[in-house]
């Protein structure tokens, strides 16, 4: 039976969801999960084989960064490609996308939040080429962590296009904090990871009248909206 967003949210808050919920269609209603983040983390499980791949990525990043002591690992998700077309459809040609400047400002803020602990940024994206050109700089502590062309995995693993998004999502969910732009993939990973999250603020009136994570994120603990 179809349920409205309000009915689904009430079911979640009241604890009336079973462990597995089959929705009648795809949904981007992340605000349901934000109603009870602790419960979402408790019910959501990542596959052990995917977590093993994530462990290899984290081990590889730390080795490349030459850090053996305490470190804060921050996941950076850069959504581009098809989502830019979607935002243009919703907001028009004048929409302001998350640029290199946004990610650099967010990284600077993350470093300020952790003055006594080294911060290493681990980037995943649907546009690796852009990230390698604009963001990844290992000397500054910014590493490519996506499964696509990963230097930390065997070719047989990196060429598995089915495992790539699972690995990247699980990686985001396994780190200490998050810098994200838009979509639902990265916010879900950030909710699972906990820690501090910086999310791109589209600053568009169309979102202020809708209950979604662009507005809910403003009220979640340890979430900052940065333009």
C-alpha atoms as a PDB file:
ATOM      1  CA  UNK A   1       0.000   0.000   0.000  1.00  0.00           C
ATOM      2  CA  UNK A   2       1.332   3.435  -0.898  1.00  0.00           C
ATOM      3  CA  UNK A   3       2.219   5.671   2.025  1.00  0.00           C
ATOM      4  CA  UNK A   4       2.648   9.419   2.110  1.00  0.00           C
ATOM      5  CA  UNK A   5       5.881  10.922   3.384  1.00  0.00           C
ATOM      6  CA  UNK A   6       4.158  11.897   6.618  1.00  0.00           C
ATOM      7  CA  UNK A   7       2.827   8.382   7.189  1.00  0.00           C
ATOM      8  CA  UNK A   8       6.270   6.885   6.543  1.00  0.00           C
ATOM      9  CA  UNK A   9       7.920   9.332   8.924  1.00  0.00           C
ATOM     10  CA  UNK A  10       5.379   8.583  11.669  1.00  0.00           C
ATOM     11  CA  UNK A  11       5.872   4.827  11.191  1.00  0.00           C
ATOM     12  CA  UNK A  12       9.629   5.309  11.536  1.00  0.00           C
ATOM     13  CA  UNK A  13       9.400   7.457  14.671  1.00  0.00           C
ATOM     14  CA  UNK A  14       6.870   5.060  16.235  1.00  0.00           C
ATOM     15  CA  UNK A  15       9.131   2.088  15.558  1.00  0.00           C
ATOM     16  CA  UNK A  16       6.657   0.379  13.250  1.00  0.00           C
ATOM     17  CA  UNK A  17       9.080  -0.362  10.432  1.00  0.00           C
ATOM     18  CA  UNK A  18      10.204  -3.954  10.151  1.00  0.00           C
ATOM     19  CA  UNK A  19      13.897  -4.624   9.541  1.00  0.00           C
ATOM     20  CA  UNK A  20      13.246  -4.665   5.795  1.00  0.00           C
ATOM     21  CA  UNK A  21      10.900  -2.190   4.139  1.00  0.00           C
ATOM     22  CA  UNK A  22      10.014  -2.562   0.456  1.00  0.00           C
ATOM     23  CA  UNK A  23       8.887   0.730  -1.033  1.00  0.00           C
ATOM     24  CA  UNK A  24       6.555   0.797  -4.078  1.00  0.00           C
ATOM     25  CA  UNK A  25       9.046   2.946  -6.024  1.00  0.00           C
ATOM     26  CA  UNK A  26      12.394   4.678  -5.626  1.00  0.00           C
ATOM     27  CA  UNK A  27      12.423   7.482  -3.092  1.00  0.00           C
ATOM     28  CA  UNK A  28      14.722  10.360  -2.245  1.00  0.00           C
ATOM     29  CA  UNK A  29      13.066  11.033   1.102  1.00  0.00           C
ATOM     30  CA  UNK A  30      16.165  11.122   3.287  1.00  0.00           C
ATOM     31  CA  UNK A  31      14.331  13.193   5.901  1.00  0.00           C
ATOM     32  CA  UNK A  32      12.596  10.005   7.081  1.00  0.00           C
ATOM     33  CA  UNK A  33      15.959   8.642   8.190  1.00  0.00           C
ATOM     34  CA  UNK A  34      16.978  11.899   9.830  1.00  0.00           C
ATOM     35  CA  UNK A  35      14.027  11.558  12.227  1.00  0.00           C
ATOM     36  CA  UNK A  36      15.910   8.862  14.147  1.00  0.00           C
ATOM     37  CA  UNK A  37      19.536   8.690  13.067  1.00  0.00           C
ATOM     38  CA  UNK A  38      20.580   6.282  15.822  1.00  0.00           C
ATOM     39  CA  UNK A  39      17.960   3.778  14.744  1.00  0.00           C
ATOM     40  CA  UNK A  40      19.014   4.128  11.109  1.00  0.00           C
ATOM     41  CA  UNK A  41      22.604   3.302  12.071  1.00  0.00           C
ATOM     42  CA  UNK A  42      21.463   0.333  14.130  1.00  0.00           C
ATOM     43  CA  UNK A  43      19.319  -1.199  11.397  1.00  0.00           C
ATOM     44  CA  UNK A  44      21.569  -0.501   8.416  1.00  0.00           C
ATOM     45  CA  UNK A  45      24.283  -3.108   7.870  1.00  0.00           C
ATOM     46  CA  UNK A  46      27.147  -3.026   5.390  1.00  0.00           C
ATOM     47  CA  UNK A  47      28.267  -6.284   3.768  1.00  0.00           C
ATOM     48  CA  UNK A  48      31.409  -7.802   5.220  1.00  0.00           C
ATOM     49  CA  UNK A  49      33.071  -8.277   1.816  1.00  0.00           C
ATOM     50  CA  UNK A  50      32.544  -4.599   0.994  1.00  0.00           C
ATOM     51  CA  UNK A  51      33.926  -3.584   4.386  1.00  0.00           C
ATOM     52  CA  UNK A  52      37.055  -5.620   3.677  1.00  0.00           C
ATOM     53  CA  UNK A  53      37.605  -3.571   0.523  1.00  0.00           C
ATOM     54  CA  UNK A  54      37.059  -0.384   2.513  1.00  0.00           C
ATOM     55  CA  UNK A  55      39.646  -1.526   5.056  1.00  0.00           C
ATOM     56  CA  UNK A  56      42.191  -1.925   2.262  1.00  0.00           C
ATOM     57  CA  UNK A  57      41.436   1.576   1.006  1.00  0.00           C
ATOM     58  CA  UNK A  58      41.825   3.163   4.439  1.00  0.00           C
ATOM     59  CA  UNK A  59      45.043   1.233   5.097  1.00  0.00           C
ATOM     60  CA  UNK A  60      46.405   2.365   1.731  1.00  0.00           C
ATOM     61  CA  UNK A  61      45.494   6.007   2.307  1.00  0.00           C
ATOM     62  CA  UNK A  62      47.113   6.078   5.749  1.00  0.00           C
ATOM     63  CA  UNK A  63      50.255   4.414   4.419  1.00  0.00           C
ATOM     64  CA  UNK A  64      50.467   6.921   1.570  1.00  0.00           C
ATOM     65  CA  UNK A  65      49.965   9.770   4.038  1.00  0.00           C
ATOM     66  CA  UNK A  66      52.736   8.336   6.251  1.00  0.00           C
ATOM     67  CA  UNK A  67      50.553   8.716   9.341  1.00  0.00           C
ATOM     68  CA  UNK A  68      50.702   6.136  12.105  1.00  0.00           C
ATOM     69  CA  UNK A  69      49.235   8.068  15.035  1.00  0.00           C
ATOM     70  CA  UNK A  70      45.820   9.574  15.612  1.00  0.00           C
ATOM     71  CA  UNK A  71      44.169  10.974  12.505  1.00  0.00           C
ATOM     72  CA  UNK A  72      40.763  12.277  11.465  1.00  0.00           C
ATOM     73  CA  UNK A  73      39.583  10.750   8.170  1.00  0.00           C
ATOM     74  CA  UNK A  74      37.015  12.883   6.366  1.00  0.00           C
ATOM     75  CA  UNK A  75      35.068  11.548   3.397  1.00  0.00           C
ATOM     76  CA  UNK A  76      34.541  13.937   0.488  1.00  0.00           C
ATOM     77  CA  UNK A  77      31.786  13.092  -1.965  1.00  0.00           C
ATOM     78  CA  UNK A  78      31.708  15.028  -5.233  1.00  0.00           C
ATOM     79  CA  UNK A  79      28.492  14.507  -7.188  1.00  0.00           C
ATOM     80  CA  UNK A  80      28.582  15.849 -10.732  1.00  0.00           C
ATOM     81  CA  UNK A  81      27.584  14.496 -14.177  1.00  0.00           C
ATOM     82  CA  UNK A  82      23.866  13.642 -14.380  1.00  0.00           C
ATOM     83  CA  UNK A  83      22.951  15.430 -11.142  1.00  0.00           C
ATOM     84  CA  UNK A  84      23.983  18.765 -12.613  1.00  0.00           C
ATOM     85  CA  UNK A  85      21.454  18.210 -15.408  1.00  0.00           C
ATOM     86  CA  UNK A  86      18.799  17.389 -12.797  1.00  0.00           C
ATOM     87  CA  UNK A  87      19.501  20.570 -10.839  1.00  0.00           C
ATOM     88  CA  UNK A  88      19.226  22.618 -14.018  1.00  0.00           C
ATOM     89  CA  UNK A  89      15.824  21.023 -14.681  1.00  0.00           C
ATOM     90  CA  UNK A  90      14.676  21.894 -11.149  1.00  0.00           C
ATOM     91  CA  UNK A  91      16.303  25.284 -10.620  1.00  0.00           C
ATOM     92  CA  UNK A  92      17.117  26.608 -14.092  1.00  0.00           C
ATOM     93  CA  UNK A  93      20.355  27.544 -15.805  1.00  0.00           C
ATOM     94  CA  UNK A  94      21.433  29.949 -13.068  1.00  0.00           C
ATOM     95  CA  UNK A  95      21.853  27.223 -10.457  1.00  0.00           C
ATOM     96  CA  UNK A  96      25.100  27.472  -8.485  1.00  0.00           C
ATOM     97  CA  UNK A  97      26.985  24.176  -8.431  1.00  0.00           C
ATOM     98  CA  UNK A  98      29.442  23.055  -5.772  1.00  0.00           C
ATOM     99  CA  UNK A  99      32.799  24.200  -7.132  1.00  0.00           C
ATOM    100  CA  UNK A 100      36.413  23.572  -6.216  1.00  0.00           C
ATOM    101  CA  UNK A 101      36.156  26.657  -4.016  1.00  0.00           C
ATOM    102  CA  UNK A 102      33.351  25.126  -1.952  1.00  0.00           C
ATOM    103  CA  UNK A 103      35.278  21.927  -1.283  1.00  0.00           C
ATOM    104  CA  UNK A 104      38.444  23.859  -0.396  1.00  0.00           C
ATOM    105  CA  UNK A 105      36.507  26.091   2.037  1.00  0.00           C
ATOM    106  CA  UNK A 106      34.903  23.027   3.603  1.00  0.00           C
ATOM    107  CA  UNK A 107      38.291  21.335   4.012  1.00  0.00           C
ATOM    108  CA  UNK A 108      39.699  24.465   5.659  1.00  0.00           C
ATOM    109  CA  UNK A 109      36.797  24.479   8.109  1.00  0.00           C
ATOM    110  CA  UNK A 110      37.293  20.789   8.885  1.00  0.00           C
ATOM    111  CA  UNK A 111      40.939  21.439   9.713  1.00  0.00           C
ATOM    112  CA  UNK A 112      39.930  24.233  12.080  1.00  0.00           C
ATOM    113  CA  UNK A 113      37.517  21.857  13.817  1.00  0.00           C
ATOM    114  CA  UNK A 114      40.409  19.465  14.495  1.00  0.00           C
ATOM    115  CA  UNK A 115      43.378  21.709  15.417  1.00  0.00           C
ATOM    116  CA  UNK A 116      45.249  19.032  17.389  1.00  0.00           C
ATOM    117  CA  UNK A 117      44.731  16.084  15.037  1.00  0.00           C
ATOM    118  CA  UNK A 118      45.916  15.679  11.429  1.00  0.00           C
ATOM    119  CA  UNK A 119      43.040  15.626   8.952  1.00  0.00           C
ATOM    120  CA  UNK A 120      43.193  13.420   5.842  1.00  0.00           C
ATOM    121  CA  UNK A 121      40.536  13.812   3.154  1.00  0.00           C
ATOM    122  CA  UNK A 122      39.387  10.800   1.135  1.00  0.00           C
ATOM    123  CA  UNK A 123      37.601  11.697  -2.112  1.00  0.00           C
ATOM    124  CA  UNK A 124      35.000   9.612  -3.959  1.00  0.00           C
ATOM    125  CA  UNK A 125      33.012  10.777  -6.956  1.00  0.00           C
ATOM    126  CA  UNK A 126      31.203   9.958 -10.185  1.00  0.00           C
ATOM    127  CA  UNK A 127      33.724  12.251 -11.910  1.00  0.00           C
ATOM    128  CA  UNK A 128      37.200  11.015 -11.033  1.00  0.00           C
ATOM    129  CA  UNK A 129      38.921  13.063 -13.731  1.00  0.00           C
ATOM    130  CA  UNK A 130      37.603  16.357 -12.313  1.00  0.00           C
ATOM    131  CA  UNK A 131      38.568  15.386  -8.774  1.00  0.00           C
ATOM    132  CA  UNK A 132      42.095  14.381  -9.759  1.00  0.00           C
ATOM    133  CA  UNK A 133      42.562  17.730 -11.492  1.00  0.00           C
ATOM    134  CA  UNK A 134      40.832  20.029  -8.988  1.00  0.00           C
ATOM    135  CA  UNK A 135      40.979  18.433  -5.545  1.00  0.00           C
ATOM    136  CA  UNK A 136      43.320  15.494  -5.051  1.00  0.00           C
ATOM    137  CA  UNK A 137      46.688  16.626  -3.720  1.00  0.00           C
ATOM    138  CA  UNK A 138      48.415  14.059  -1.539  1.00  0.00           C
ATOM    139  CA  UNK A 139      50.962  16.585  -0.272  1.00  0.00           C
ATOM    140  CA  UNK A 140      48.033  18.524   1.206  1.00  0.00           C
ATOM    141  CA  UNK A 141      46.411  15.397   2.631  1.00  0.00           C
ATOM    142  CA  UNK A 142      43.752  14.943  -0.062  1.00  0.00           C
ATOM    143  CA  UNK A 143      43.620  11.407  -1.525  1.00  0.00           C
ATOM    144  CA  UNK A 144      41.546   9.621  -4.141  1.00  0.00           C
ATOM    145  CA  UNK A 145      39.667   6.871  -2.300  1.00  0.00           C
ATOM    146  CA  UNK A 146      37.154   5.719  -4.899  1.00  0.00           C
ATOM    147  CA  UNK A 147      37.249   2.183  -6.208  1.00  0.00           C
ATOM    148  CA  UNK A 148      37.571   3.441  -9.795  1.00  0.00           C
ATOM    149  CA  UNK A 149      41.264   3.139 -10.736  1.00  0.00           C
ATOM    150  CA  UNK A 150      42.122   2.703  -7.072  1.00  0.00           C
ATOM    151  CA  UNK A 151      45.859   2.364  -6.365  1.00  0.00           C
ATOM    152  CA  UNK A 152      45.030   0.273  -3.298  1.00  0.00           C
ATOM    153  CA  UNK A 153      43.203  -2.613  -4.992  1.00  0.00           C
ATOM    154  CA  UNK A 154      43.835  -5.292  -7.580  1.00  0.00           C
ATOM    155  CA  UNK A 155      42.637  -4.559 -11.147  1.00  0.00           C
ATOM    156  CA  UNK A 156      40.085  -7.361 -10.851  1.00  0.00           C
ATOM    157  CA  UNK A 157      38.475  -5.445  -7.984  1.00  0.00           C
ATOM    158  CA  UNK A 158      38.623  -1.969  -9.505  1.00  0.00           C
ATOM    159  CA  UNK A 159      37.070  -3.133 -12.780  1.00  0.00           C
ATOM    160  CA  UNK A 160      33.980  -4.510 -11.045  1.00  0.00           C
ATOM    161  CA  UNK A 161      31.499  -1.718 -11.835  1.00  0.00           C
ATOM    162  CA  UNK A 162      28.871  -3.313  -9.586  1.00  0.00           C
ATOM    163  CA  UNK A 163      31.046  -3.143  -6.478  1.00  0.00           C
ATOM    164  CA  UNK A 164      32.330   0.401  -7.082  1.00  0.00           C
ATOM    165  CA  UNK A 165      29.321   2.342  -5.733  1.00  0.00           C
ATOM    166  CA  UNK A 166      28.937  -0.076  -2.810  1.00  0.00           C
ATOM    167  CA  UNK A 167      32.579   0.366  -1.829  1.00  0.00           C
ATOM    168  CA  UNK A 168      32.437   4.151  -2.139  1.00  0.00           C
ATOM    169  CA  UNK A 169      29.254   4.391  -0.061  1.00  0.00           C
ATOM    170  CA  UNK A 170      30.631   2.071   2.622  1.00  0.00           C
ATOM    171  CA  UNK A 171      33.839   4.101   2.691  1.00  0.00           C
ATOM    172  CA  UNK A 172      31.915   7.317   3.343  1.00  0.00           C
ATOM    173  CA  UNK A 173      29.959   5.576   6.095  1.00  0.00           C
ATOM    174  CA  UNK A 174      33.150   4.334   7.761  1.00  0.00           C
ATOM    175  CA  UNK A 175      35.019   7.632   8.195  1.00  0.00           C
ATOM    176  CA  UNK A 176      35.052  10.276  10.948  1.00  0.00           C
ATOM    177  CA  UNK A 177      33.332  13.131   9.128  1.00  0.00           C
ATOM    178  CA  UNK A 178      31.941  14.184   5.759  1.00  0.00           C
ATOM    179  CA  UNK A 179      32.041  16.917   3.143  1.00  0.00           C
ATOM    180  CA  UNK A 180      29.211  16.462   0.647  1.00  0.00           C
ATOM    181  CA  UNK A 181      27.449  18.356  -2.101  1.00  0.00           C
ATOM    182  CA  UNK A 182      23.964  17.122  -3.100  1.00  0.00           C
ATOM    183  CA  UNK A 183      21.955  14.015  -3.889  1.00  0.00           C
ATOM    184  CA  UNK A 184      20.922  11.251  -1.482  1.00  0.00           C
ATOM    185  CA  UNK A 185      23.897   8.877  -1.726  1.00  0.00           C
ATOM    186  CA  UNK A 186      26.351  11.033   0.225  1.00  0.00           C
ATOM    187  CA  UNK A 187      23.915  12.305   2.898  1.00  0.00           C
ATOM    188  CA  UNK A 188      23.018   8.697   3.724  1.00  0.00           C
ATOM    189  CA  UNK A 189      26.710   7.871   4.075  1.00  0.00           C
ATOM    190  CA  UNK A 190      27.205  10.959   6.243  1.00  0.00           C
ATOM    191  CA  UNK A 191      24.314   9.994   8.519  1.00  0.00           C
ATOM    192  CA  UNK A 192      25.874   6.568   9.008  1.00  0.00           C
ATOM    193  CA  UNK A 193      29.355   7.967   9.610  1.00  0.00           C
ATOM    194  CA  UNK A 194      28.297  10.491  12.213  1.00  0.00           C
ATOM    195  CA  UNK A 195      30.910  13.041  13.162  1.00  0.00           C
ATOM    196  CA  UNK A 196      30.822  16.507  11.633  1.00  0.00           C
ATOM    197  CA  UNK A 197      29.194  16.987   8.228  1.00  0.00           C
ATOM    198  CA  UNK A 198      29.525  19.956   5.905  1.00  0.00           C
ATOM    199  CA  UNK A 199      26.913  20.072   3.154  1.00  0.00           C
ATOM    200  CA  UNK A 200      26.708  22.431   0.186  1.00  0.00           C
ATOM    201  CA  UNK A 201      24.006  25.077   0.632  1.00  0.00           C
ATOM    202  CA  UNK A 202      22.205  25.599  -2.653  1.00  0.00           C
ATOM    203  CA  UNK A 203      20.453  28.631  -1.120  1.00  0.00           C
ATOM    204  CA  UNK A 204      17.480  28.125  -3.392  1.00  0.00           C
ATOM    205  CA  UNK A 205      13.954  29.171  -2.245  1.00  0.00           C
ATOM    206  CA  UNK A 206      12.447  26.114  -3.942  1.00  0.00           C
ATOM    207  CA  UNK A 207      13.978  23.918  -1.233  1.00  0.00           C
ATOM    208  CA  UNK A 208      12.847  26.052   1.700  1.00  0.00           C
ATOM    209  CA  UNK A 209       9.239  24.994   1.107  1.00  0.00           C
ATOM    210  CA  UNK A 210       9.970  21.281   0.946  1.00  0.00           C
ATOM    211  CA  UNK A 211      10.815  18.841   3.707  1.00  0.00           C
ATOM    212  CA  UNK A 212      14.041  17.285   2.493  1.00  0.00           C
ATOM    213  CA  UNK A 213      17.630  16.921   3.596  1.00  0.00           C
ATOM    214  CA  UNK A 214      18.622  20.296   2.154  1.00  0.00           C
ATOM    215  CA  UNK A 215      16.475  21.891   4.861  1.00  0.00           C
ATOM    216  CA  UNK A 216      16.604  19.147   7.497  1.00  0.00           C
ATOM    217  CA  UNK A 217      20.413  19.273   7.346  1.00  0.00           C
ATOM    218  CA  UNK A 218      20.277  22.757   8.836  1.00  0.00           C
ATOM    219  CA  UNK A 219      18.856  21.334  12.041  1.00  0.00           C
ATOM    220  CA  UNK A 220      20.819  18.107  12.422  1.00  0.00           C
ATOM    221  CA  UNK A 221      23.444  18.077  15.138  1.00  0.00           C
ATOM    222  CA  UNK A 222      26.977  18.648  13.814  1.00  0.00           C
ATOM    223  CA  UNK A 223      25.752  19.501  10.294  1.00  0.00           C
ATOM    224  CA  UNK A 224      26.808  22.786   8.670  1.00  0.00           C
ATOM    225  CA  UNK A 225      25.472  24.224   5.440  1.00  0.00           C
ATOM    226  CA  UNK A 226      28.223  26.040   3.524  1.00  0.00           C
ATOM    227  CA  UNK A 227      27.917  27.837   0.192  1.00  0.00           C
END
